[in-house]
Amino acid sequence: MFKRIAVSLAMALVGASFAMAAAAKGTVVTINDKTVVVKVDGALAPWTKKGSMVRINNKFNGKIIEVSGASVTFSSPKAGELKEGQAITFDKSTAAAGC
């Protein structure tokens, strides 16, 4: 019984650590229609991969379409809300569930 409780607690802590992954910070380099190129400050997070869903400025979602060096390119229908030179944060998001 104690082992099951300990394993459940350990799994909950691991899950919480993934959920609390630090947000990445960067600066908007270019905006083209629904595409945004961001120069990331510091090292890229392990979850920063092509196809990952992200939450930008804790306001709207986007999808990483390219990662090249310290630059990340997002696709988002609300890209027009950002400005070139603006500092932004982005973190891992989950894709919306289908109907």
PDB file of N, CA and C in Angstrom:
ATOM      1  N   MET A   1       0.826  -1.194   0.000  1.00  0.00           N
ATOM      2  CA  MET A   1       0.000   0.000   0.000  1.00  0.00           C
ATOM      3  C   MET A   1       0.867   1.254   0.000  1.00  0.00           C
ATOM      4  N   PHE A   2       1.889   1.259   0.854  1.00  0.00           N
ATOM      5  CA  PHE A   2       2.780   2.416   0.932  1.00  0.00           C
ATOM      6  C   PHE A   2       3.502   2.648  -0.394  1.00  0.00           C
ATOM      7  N   LYS A   3       3.896   1.565  -1.057  1.00  0.00           N
ATOM      8  CA  LYS A   3       4.588   1.691  -2.343  1.00  0.00           C
ATOM      9  C   LYS A   3       3.693   2.354  -3.384  1.00  0.00           C
ATOM     10  N   ARG A   4       2.422   1.993  -3.415  1.00  0.00           N
ATOM     11  CA  ARG A   4       1.492   2.586  -4.379  1.00  0.00           C
ATOM     12  C   ARG A   4       1.328   4.082  -4.124  1.00  0.00           C
ATOM     13  N   ILE A   5       1.225   4.450  -2.874  1.00  0.00           N
ATOM     14  CA  ILE A   5       1.091   5.869  -2.538  1.00  0.00           C
ATOM     15  C   ILE A   5       2.354   6.623  -2.931  1.00  0.00           C
ATOM     16  N   ALA A   6       3.520   6.049  -2.640  1.00  0.00           N
ATOM     17  CA  ALA A   6       4.790   6.692  -2.969  1.00  0.00           C
ATOM     18  C   ALA A   6       4.953   6.848  -4.482  1.00  0.00           C
ATOM     19  N   VAL A   7       4.591   5.817  -5.246  1.00  0.00           N
ATOM     20  CA  VAL A   7       4.695   5.878  -6.705  1.00  0.00           C
ATOM     21  C   VAL A   7       3.724   6.921  -7.254  1.00  0.00           C
ATOM     22  N   SER A   8       2.505   6.953  -6.735  1.00  0.00           N
ATOM     23  CA  SER A   8       1.524   7.945  -7.182  1.00  0.00           C
ATOM     24  C   SER A   8       1.990   9.357  -6.895  1.00  0.00           C
ATOM     25  N   LEU A   9       2.551   9.575  -5.735  1.00  0.00           N
ATOM     26  CA  LEU A   9       3.068  10.892  -5.365  1.00  0.00           C
ATOM     27  C   LEU A   9       4.232  11.287  -6.269  1.00  0.00           C
ATOM     28  N   ALA A  10       5.136  10.368  -6.543  1.00  0.00           N
ATOM     29  CA  ALA A  10       6.277  10.654  -7.414  1.00  0.00           C
ATOM     30  C   ALA A  10       5.810  10.996  -8.823  1.00  0.00           C
ATOM     31  N   MET A  11       4.836  10.279  -9.329  1.00  0.00           N
ATOM     32  CA  MET A  11       4.327  10.554 -10.676  1.00  0.00           C
ATOM     33  C   MET A  11       3.638  11.919 -10.729  1.00  0.00           C
ATOM     34  N   ALA A  12       2.931  12.272  -9.673  1.00  0.00           N
ATOM     35  CA  ALA A  12       2.273  13.579  -9.624  1.00  0.00           C
ATOM     36  C   ALA A  12       3.312  14.702  -9.619  1.00  0.00           C
ATOM     37  N   LEU A  13       4.401  14.519  -8.902  1.00  0.00           N
ATOM     38  CA  LEU A  13       5.459  15.536  -8.860  1.00  0.00           C
ATOM     39  C   LEU A  13       6.147  15.684 -10.210  1.00  0.00           C
ATOM     40  N   VAL A  14       6.393  14.584 -10.890  1.00  0.00           N
ATOM     41  CA  VAL A  14       7.009  14.638 -12.217  1.00  0.00           C
ATOM     42  C   VAL A  14       6.075  15.345 -13.190  1.00  0.00           C
ATOM     43  N   GLY A  15       4.806  15.006 -13.140  1.00  0.00           N
ATOM     44  CA  GLY A  15       3.822  15.655 -14.014  1.00  0.00           C
ATOM     45  C   GLY A  15       3.744  17.148 -13.752  1.00  0.00           C
ATOM     46  N   ALA A  16       3.787  17.537 -12.495  1.00  0.00           N
ATOM     47  CA  ALA A  16       3.740  18.963 -12.148  1.00  0.00           C
ATOM     48  C   ALA A  16       4.982  19.684 -12.637  1.00  0.00           C
ATOM     49  N   SER A  17       6.125  19.031 -12.597  1.00  0.00           N
ATOM     50  CA  SER A  17       7.356  19.690 -13.068  1.00  0.00           C
ATOM     51  C   SER A  17       7.300  19.942 -14.567  1.00  0.00           C
ATOM     52  N   PHE A  18       6.693  19.032 -15.325  1.00  0.00           N
ATOM     53  CA  PHE A  18       6.546  19.258 -16.760  1.00  0.00           C
ATOM     54  C   PHE A  18       5.551  20.385 -17.020  1.00  0.00           C
ATOM     55  N   ALA A  19       4.499  20.444 -16.242  1.00  0.00           N
ATOM     56  CA  ALA A  19       3.487  21.480 -16.429  1.00  0.00           C
ATOM     57  C   ALA A  19       4.029  22.859 -16.089  1.00  0.00           C
ATOM     58  N   MET A  20       5.015  22.917 -15.212  1.00  0.00           N
ATOM     59  CA  MET A  20       5.557  24.197 -14.789  1.00  0.00           C
ATOM     60  C   MET A  20       6.854  24.541 -15.516  1.00  0.00           C
ATOM     61  N   ALA A  21       7.037  24.015 -16.710  1.00  0.00           N
ATOM     62  CA  ALA A  21       8.236  24.310 -17.489  1.00  0.00           C
ATOM     63  C   ALA A  21       8.350  25.816 -17.685  1.00  0.00           C
ATOM     64  N   ALA A  22       9.549  26.306 -17.545  1.00  0.00           N
ATOM     65  CA  ALA A  22       9.775  27.750 -17.639  1.00  0.00           C
ATOM     66  C   ALA A  22       9.451  28.274 -19.036  1.00  0.00           C
ATOM     67  N   ALA A  23       8.862  29.438 -19.065  1.00  0.00           N
ATOM     68  CA  ALA A  23       8.546  30.083 -20.339  1.00  0.00           C
ATOM     69  C   ALA A  23       9.834  30.600 -20.968  1.00  0.00           C
ATOM     70  N   ALA A  24       9.899  30.520 -22.274  1.00  0.00           N
ATOM     71  CA  ALA A  24      11.040  31.055 -23.014  1.00  0.00           C
ATOM     72  C   ALA A  24      10.781  32.535 -23.302  1.00  0.00           C
ATOM     73  N   LYS A  25      11.843  33.299 -23.383  1.00  0.00           N
ATOM     74  CA  LYS A  25      11.724  34.731 -23.667  1.00  0.00           C
ATOM     75  C   LYS A  25      12.471  35.044 -24.944  1.00  0.00           C
ATOM     76  N   GLY A  26      11.988  36.056 -25.650  1.00  0.00           N
ATOM     77  CA  GLY A  26      12.642  36.440 -26.887  1.00  0.00           C
ATOM     78  C   GLY A  26      12.141  37.783 -27.378  1.00  0.00           C
ATOM     79  N   THR A  27      12.636  38.167 -28.549  1.00  0.00           N
ATOM     80  CA  THR A  27      12.277  39.432 -29.171  1.00  0.00           C
ATOM     81  C   THR A  27      11.772  39.164 -30.577  1.00  0.00           C
ATOM     82  N   VAL A  28      10.661  39.803 -30.943  1.00  0.00           N
ATOM     83  CA  VAL A  28      10.090  39.636 -32.275  1.00  0.00           C
ATOM     84  C   VAL A  28      11.020  40.287 -33.299  1.00  0.00           C
ATOM     85  N   VAL A  29      11.434  39.511 -34.287  1.00  0.00           N
ATOM     86  CA  VAL A  29      12.318  40.014 -35.334  1.00  0.00           C
ATOM     87  C   VAL A  29      11.498  40.492 -36.528  1.00  0.00           C
ATOM     88  N   THR A  30      10.635  39.623 -37.034  1.00  0.00           N
ATOM     89  CA  THR A  30       9.793  39.984 -38.178  1.00  0.00           C
ATOM     90  C   THR A  30       8.402  39.405 -38.015  1.00  0.00           C
ATOM     91  N   ILE A  31       7.444  40.075 -38.641  1.00  0.00           N
ATOM     92  CA  ILE A  31       6.066  39.595 -38.700  1.00  0.00           C
ATOM     93  C   ILE A  31       5.648  39.642 -40.163  1.00  0.00           C
ATOM     94  N   ASN A  32       5.142  38.517 -40.654  1.00  0.00           N
ATOM     95  CA  ASN A  32       4.693  38.444 -42.038  1.00  0.00           C
ATOM     96  C   ASN A  32       3.356  37.716 -42.054  1.00  0.00           C
ATOM     97  N   ASP A  33       2.281  38.478 -42.187  1.00  0.00           N
ATOM     98  CA  ASP A  33       0.920  37.930 -42.197  1.00  0.00           C
ATOM     99  C   ASP A  33       0.665  37.181 -40.886  1.00  0.00           C
ATOM    100  N   LYS A  34       0.618  35.859 -40.901  1.00  0.00           N
ATOM    101  CA  LYS A  34       0.334  35.069 -39.700  1.00  0.00           C
ATOM    102  C   LYS A  34       1.582  34.375 -39.163  1.00  0.00           C
ATOM    103  N   THR A  35       2.745  34.823 -39.599  1.00  0.00           N
ATOM    104  CA  THR A  35       4.001  34.209 -39.217  1.00  0.00           C
ATOM    105  C   THR A  35       4.860  35.195 -38.439  1.00  0.00           C
ATOM    106  N   VAL A  36       5.448  34.732 -37.332  1.00  0.00           N
ATOM    107  CA  VAL A  36       6.281  35.572 -36.480  1.00  0.00           C
ATOM    108  C   VAL A  36       7.619  34.877 -36.275  1.00  0.00           C
ATOM    109  N   VAL A  37       8.718  35.613 -36.481  1.00  0.00           N
ATOM    110  CA  VAL A  37      10.055  35.094 -36.207  1.00  0.00           C
ATOM    111  C   VAL A  37      10.544  35.750 -34.926  1.00  0.00           C
ATOM    112  N   VAL A  38      10.973  34.922 -33.972  1.00  0.00           N
ATOM    113  CA  VAL A  38      11.416  35.403 -32.662  1.00  0.00           C
ATOM    114  C   VAL A  38      12.851  34.960 -32.433  1.00  0.00           C
ATOM    115  N   LYS A  39      13.703  35.900 -31.991  1.00  0.00           N
ATOM    116  CA  LYS A  39      15.065  35.566 -31.578  1.00  0.00           C
ATOM    117  C   LYS A  39      14.996  35.273 -30.084  1.00  0.00           C
ATOM    118  N   VAL A  40      15.317  34.034 -29.704  1.00  0.00           N
ATOM    119  CA  VAL A  40      15.184  33.581 -28.327  1.00  0.00           C
ATOM    120  C   VAL A  40      16.381  34.035 -27.496  1.00  0.00           C
ATOM    121  N   ASP A  41      16.091  34.539 -26.292  1.00  0.00           N
ATOM    122  CA  ASP A  41      17.141  34.906 -25.340  1.00  0.00           C
ATOM    123  C   ASP A  41      17.581  33.642 -24.609  1.00  0.00           C
ATOM    124  N   GLY A  42      18.867  33.358 -24.616  1.00  0.00           N
ATOM    125  CA  GLY A  42      19.375  32.181 -23.922  1.00  0.00           C
ATOM    126  C   GLY A  42      19.182  30.908 -24.731  1.00  0.00           C
ATOM    127  N   ALA A  43      19.245  29.781 -24.018  1.00  0.00           N
ATOM    128  CA  ALA A  43      19.137  28.468 -24.666  1.00  0.00           C
ATOM    129  C   ALA A  43      17.678  28.114 -24.933  1.00  0.00           C
ATOM    130  N   LEU A  44      17.474  27.340 -25.976  1.00  0.00           N
ATOM    131  CA  LEU A  44      16.131  26.869 -26.300  1.00  0.00           C
ATOM    132  C   LEU A  44      15.713  25.785 -25.309  1.00  0.00           C
ATOM    133  N   ALA A  45      14.462  25.811 -24.921  1.00  0.00           N
ATOM    134  CA  ALA A  45      13.923  24.773 -24.046  1.00  0.00           C
ATOM    135  C   ALA A  45      13.811  23.465 -24.818  1.00  0.00           C
ATOM    136  N   PRO A  46      13.891  22.330 -24.137  1.00  0.00           N
ATOM    137  CA  PRO A  46      13.804  21.040 -24.825  1.00  0.00           C
ATOM    138  C   PRO A  46      12.496  20.840 -25.591  1.00  0.00           C
ATOM    139  N   TRP A  47      11.417  21.464 -25.167  1.00  0.00           N
ATOM    140  CA  TRP A  47      10.126  21.306 -25.839  1.00  0.00           C
ATOM    141  C   TRP A  47       9.988  22.192 -27.068  1.00  0.00           C
ATOM    142  N   THR A  48      10.974  23.044 -27.334  1.00  0.00           N
ATOM    143  CA  THR A  48      10.912  23.961 -28.478  1.00  0.00           C
ATOM    144  C   THR A  48      11.286  23.201 -29.746  1.00  0.00           C
ATOM    145  N   LYS A  49      10.281  22.561 -30.339  1.00  0.00           N
ATOM    146  CA  LYS A  49      10.490  21.741 -31.532  1.00  0.00           C
ATOM    147  C   LYS A  49       9.415  22.059 -32.562  1.00  0.00           C
ATOM    148  N   LYS A  50       9.731  21.810 -33.807  1.00  0.00           N
ATOM    149  CA  LYS A  50       8.765  22.015 -34.890  1.00  0.00           C
ATOM    150  C   LYS A  50       7.506  21.205 -34.606  1.00  0.00           C
ATOM    151  N   GLY A  51       6.356  21.860 -34.743  1.00  0.00           N
ATOM    152  CA  GLY A  51       5.079  21.211 -34.514  1.00  0.00           C
ATOM    153  C   GLY A  51       4.517  21.406 -33.111  1.00  0.00           C
ATOM    154  N   SER A  52       5.337  21.931 -32.184  1.00  0.00           N
ATOM    155  CA  SER A  52       4.860  22.148 -30.816  1.00  0.00           C
ATOM    156  C   SER A  52       3.888  23.317 -30.767  1.00  0.00           C
ATOM    157  N   MET A  53       2.848  23.163 -29.965  1.00  0.00           N
ATOM    158  CA  MET A  53       1.898  24.240 -29.721  1.00  0.00           C
ATOM    159  C   MET A  53       2.438  25.095 -28.582  1.00  0.00           C
ATOM    160  N   VAL A  54       2.304  26.412 -28.707  1.00  0.00           N
ATOM    161  CA  VAL A  54       2.806  27.327 -27.690  1.00  0.00           C
ATOM    162  C   VAL A  54       1.741  28.361 -27.320  1.00  0.00           C
ATOM    163  N   ARG A  55       1.882  28.918 -26.155  1.00  0.00           N
ATOM    164  CA  ARG A  55       1.034  30.014 -25.679  1.00  0.00           C
ATOM    165  C   ARG A  55       1.913  31.256 -25.683  1.00  0.00           C
ATOM    166  N   ILE A  56       1.537  32.268 -26.456  1.00  0.00           N
ATOM    167  CA  ILE A  56       2.346  33.464 -26.643  1.00  0.00           C
ATOM    168  C   ILE A  56       1.816  34.581 -25.755  1.00  0.00           C
ATOM    169  N   ASN A  57       2.714  35.135 -24.924  1.00  0.00           N
ATOM    170  CA  ASN A  57       2.368  36.213 -23.987  1.00  0.00           C
ATOM    171  C   ASN A  57       1.158  35.866 -23.123  1.00  0.00           C
ATOM    172  N   ASN A  58       0.937  34.598 -22.920  1.00  0.00           N
ATOM    173  CA  ASN A  58      -0.187  34.121 -22.121  1.00  0.00           C
ATOM    174  C   ASN A  58      -1.526  34.682 -22.615  1.00  0.00           C
ATOM    175  N   LYS A  59      -1.596  34.982 -23.927  1.00  0.00           N
ATOM    176  CA  LYS A  59      -2.799  35.570 -24.509  1.00  0.00           C
ATOM    177  C   LYS A  59      -3.393  34.718 -25.616  1.00  0.00           C
ATOM    178  N   PHE A  60      -2.533  34.213 -26.509  1.00  0.00           N
ATOM    179  CA  PHE A  60      -3.053  33.450 -27.641  1.00  0.00           C
ATOM    180  C   PHE A  60      -2.095  32.327 -28.007  1.00  0.00           C
ATOM    181  N   ASN A  61      -2.618  31.375 -28.769  1.00  0.00           N
ATOM    182  CA  ASN A  61      -1.843  30.191 -29.133  1.00  0.00           C
ATOM    183  C   ASN A  61      -1.184  30.332 -30.491  1.00  0.00           C
ATOM    184  N   GLY A  62      -0.159  29.547 -30.688  1.00  0.00           N
ATOM    185  CA  GLY A  62       0.533  29.475 -31.961  1.00  0.00           C
ATOM    186  C   GLY A  62       1.154  28.102 -32.114  1.00  0.00           C
ATOM    187  N   LYS A  63       1.745  27.880 -33.262  1.00  0.00           N
ATOM    188  CA  LYS A  63       2.399  26.605 -33.542  1.00  0.00           C
ATOM    189  C   LYS A  63       3.784  26.887 -34.087  1.00  0.00           C
ATOM    190  N   ILE A  64       4.777  26.189 -33.567  1.00  0.00           N
ATOM    191  CA  ILE A  64       6.142  26.356 -34.057  1.00  0.00           C
ATOM    192  C   ILE A  64       6.236  25.676 -35.414  1.00  0.00           C
ATOM    193  N   ILE A  65       6.647  26.456 -36.427  1.00  0.00           N
ATOM    194  CA  ILE A  65       6.774  25.876 -37.763  1.00  0.00           C
ATOM    195  C   ILE A  65       8.223  25.716 -38.191  1.00  0.00           C
ATOM    196  N   GLU A  66       9.143  26.371 -37.451  1.00  0.00           N
ATOM    197  CA  GLU A  66      10.561  26.224 -37.771  1.00  0.00           C
ATOM    198  C   GLU A  66      11.408  26.634 -36.571  1.00  0.00           C
ATOM    199  N   VAL A  67      12.491  25.892 -36.354  1.00  0.00           N
ATOM    200  CA  VAL A  67      13.478  26.235 -35.337  1.00  0.00           C
ATOM    201  C   VAL A  67      14.829  26.235 -36.024  1.00  0.00           C
ATOM    202  N   SER A  68      15.513  27.368 -35.968  1.00  0.00           N
ATOM    203  CA  SER A  68      16.800  27.501 -36.640  1.00  0.00           C
ATOM    204  C   SER A  68      17.746  28.295 -35.755  1.00  0.00           C
ATOM    205  N   GLY A  69      18.710  27.600 -35.160  1.00  0.00           N
ATOM    206  CA  GLY A  69      19.649  28.279 -34.260  1.00  0.00           C
ATOM    207  C   GLY A  69      18.905  28.853 -33.068  1.00  0.00           C
ATOM    208  N   ALA A  70      19.030  30.172 -32.877  1.00  0.00           N
ATOM    209  CA  ALA A  70      18.348  30.844 -31.766  1.00  0.00           C
ATOM    210  C   ALA A  70      17.054  31.499 -32.218  1.00  0.00           C
ATOM    211  N   SER A  71      16.586  31.177 -33.424  1.00  0.00           N
ATOM    212  CA  SER A  71      15.346  31.756 -33.935  1.00  0.00           C
ATOM    213  C   SER A  71      14.248  30.701 -33.992  1.00  0.00           C
ATOM    214  N   VAL A  72      13.056  31.124 -33.611  1.00  0.00           N
ATOM    215  CA  VAL A  72      11.881  30.256 -33.654  1.00  0.00           C
ATOM    216  C   VAL A  72      10.821  30.969 -34.475  1.00  0.00           C
ATOM    217  N   THR A  73      10.200  30.249 -35.391  1.00  0.00           N
ATOM    218  CA  THR A  73       9.136  30.817 -36.224  1.00  0.00           C
ATOM    219  C   THR A  73       7.810  30.201 -35.809  1.00  0.00           C
ATOM    220  N   PHE A  74       6.839  31.079 -35.490  1.00  0.00           N
ATOM    221  CA  PHE A  74       5.501  30.668 -35.092  1.00  0.00           C
ATOM    222  C   PHE A  74       4.514  30.979 -36.193  1.00  0.00           C
ATOM    223  N   SER A  75       3.443  30.231 -36.200  1.00  0.00           N
ATOM    224  CA  SER A  75       2.289  30.548 -37.035  1.00  0.00           C
ATOM    225  C   SER A  75       1.124  30.756 -36.087  1.00  0.00           C
ATOM    226  N   SER A  76       0.460  31.911 -36.209  1.00  0.00           N
ATOM    227  CA  SER A  76      -0.682  32.207 -35.358  1.00  0.00           C
ATOM    228  C   SER A  76      -1.614  33.176 -36.067  1.00  0.00           C
ATOM    229  N   PRO A  77      -2.922  32.932 -35.997  1.00  0.00           N
ATOM    230  CA  PRO A  77      -3.859  33.865 -36.626  1.00  0.00           C
ATOM    231  C   PRO A  77      -3.846  35.246 -35.969  1.00  0.00           C
ATOM    232  N   LYS A  78      -3.323  35.358 -34.756  1.00  0.00           N
ATOM    233  CA  LYS A  78      -3.283  36.635 -34.054  1.00  0.00           C
ATOM    234  C   LYS A  78      -1.884  37.259 -34.061  1.00  0.00           C
ATOM    235  N   ALA A  79      -1.068  36.886 -35.024  1.00  0.00           N
ATOM    236  CA  ALA A  79       0.291  37.418 -35.107  1.00  0.00           C
ATOM    237  C   ALA A  79       0.302  38.939 -35.256  1.00  0.00           C
ATOM    238  N   GLY A  80      -0.733  39.495 -35.854  1.00  0.00           N
ATOM    239  CA  GLY A  80      -0.815  40.936 -36.057  1.00  0.00           C
ATOM    240  C   GLY A  80      -0.887  41.731 -34.764  1.00  0.00           C
ATOM    241  N   GLU A  81      -1.159  41.073 -33.639  1.00  0.00           N
ATOM    242  CA  GLU A  81      -1.200  41.758 -32.351  1.00  0.00           C
ATOM    243  C   GLU A  81       0.203  42.060 -31.814  1.00  0.00           C
ATOM    244  N   LEU A  82       1.210  41.449 -32.420  1.00  0.00           N
ATOM    245  CA  LEU A  82       2.595  41.668 -31.980  1.00  0.00           C
ATOM    246  C   LEU A  82       3.245  42.757 -32.817  1.00  0.00           C
ATOM    247  N   LYS A  83       4.314  43.333 -32.305  1.00  0.00           N
ATOM    248  CA  LYS A  83       5.065  44.376 -33.005  1.00  0.00           C
ATOM    249  C   LYS A  83       6.529  43.959 -33.102  1.00  0.00           C
ATOM    250  N   GLU A  84       7.178  44.350 -34.190  1.00  0.00           N
ATOM    251  CA  GLU A  84       8.606  44.059 -34.340  1.00  0.00           C
ATOM    252  C   GLU A  84       9.373  44.757 -33.217  1.00  0.00           C
ATOM    253  N   GLY A  85      10.326  44.044 -32.631  1.00  0.00           N
ATOM    254  CA  GLY A  85      11.118  44.576 -31.537  1.00  0.00           C
ATOM    255  C   GLY A  85      10.500  44.349 -30.169  1.00  0.00           C
ATOM    256  N   GLN A  86       9.277  43.850 -30.122  1.00  0.00           N
ATOM    257  CA  GLN A  86       8.571  43.609 -28.863  1.00  0.00           C
ATOM    258  C   GLN A  86       9.157  42.395 -28.153  1.00  0.00           C
ATOM    259  N   ALA A  87       9.326  42.495 -26.839  1.00  0.00           N
ATOM    260  CA  ALA A  87       9.751  41.349 -26.035  1.00  0.00           C
ATOM    261  C   ALA A  87       8.528  40.487 -25.760  1.00  0.00           C
ATOM    262  N   ILE A  88       8.670  39.179 -25.950  1.00  0.00           N
ATOM    263  CA  ILE A  88       7.558  38.269 -25.704  1.00  0.00           C
ATOM    264  C   ILE A  88       8.028  37.084 -24.871  1.00  0.00           C
ATOM    265  N   THR A  89       7.059  36.381 -24.324  1.00  0.00           N
ATOM    266  CA  THR A  89       7.313  35.106 -23.669  1.00  0.00           C
ATOM    267  C   THR A  89       6.422  34.074 -24.336  1.00  0.00           C
ATOM    268  N   PHE A  90       6.893  32.849 -24.356  1.00  0.00           N
ATOM    269  CA  PHE A  90       6.077  31.751 -24.885  1.00  0.00           C
ATOM    270  C   PHE A  90       6.400  30.491 -24.122  1.00  0.00           C
ATOM    271  N   ASP A  91       5.372  29.702 -23.903  1.00  0.00           N
ATOM    272  CA  ASP A  91       5.573  28.445 -23.216  1.00  0.00           C
ATOM    273  C   ASP A  91       4.744  27.360 -23.872  1.00  0.00           C
ATOM    274  N   LYS A  92       5.038  26.141 -23.482  1.00  0.00           N
ATOM    275  CA  LYS A  92       4.387  25.000 -24.098  1.00  0.00           C
ATOM    276  C   LYS A  92       2.893  25.019 -23.785  1.00  0.00           C
ATOM    277  N   SER A  93       2.118  24.740 -24.779  1.00  0.00           N
ATOM    278  CA  SER A  93       0.663  24.704 -24.658  1.00  0.00           C
ATOM    279  C   SER A  93       0.182  23.364 -25.188  1.00  0.00           C
ATOM    280  N   THR A  94      -1.014  23.001 -24.819  1.00  0.00           N
ATOM    281  CA  THR A  94      -1.577  21.770 -25.358  1.00  0.00           C
ATOM    282  C   THR A  94      -2.515  22.141 -26.502  1.00  0.00           C
ATOM    283  N   ALA A  95      -2.589  21.301 -27.477  1.00  0.00           N
ATOM    284  CA  ALA A  95      -3.489  21.538 -28.601  1.00  0.00           C
ATOM    285  C   ALA A  95      -4.924  21.406 -28.138  1.00  0.00           C
ATOM    286  N   ALA A  96      -5.775  22.186 -28.712  1.00  0.00           N
ATOM    287  CA  ALA A  96      -7.199  22.123 -28.364  1.00  0.00           C
ATOM    288  C   ALA A  96      -7.779  20.787 -28.790  1.00  0.00           C
ATOM    289  N   ALA A  97      -8.631  20.243 -27.967  1.00  0.00           N
ATOM    290  CA  ALA A  97      -9.255  18.961 -28.288  1.00  0.00           C
ATOM    291  C   ALA A  97     -10.285  19.147 -29.378  1.00  0.00           C
ATOM    292  N   GLY A  98     -10.416  18.155 -30.224  1.00  0.00           N
ATOM    293  CA  GLY A  98     -11.393  18.213 -31.311  1.00  0.00           C
ATOM    294  C   GLY A  98     -12.809  18.004 -30.810  1.00  0.00           C
ATOM    295  N   CYS A  99     -13.761  18.269 -31.654  1.00  0.00           N
ATOM    296  CA  CYS A  99     -15.179  18.111 -31.259  1.00  0.00           C
ATOM    297  C   CYS A  99     -15.601  16.675 -31.351  1.00  0.00           C
TER     298      CYS A  99
END
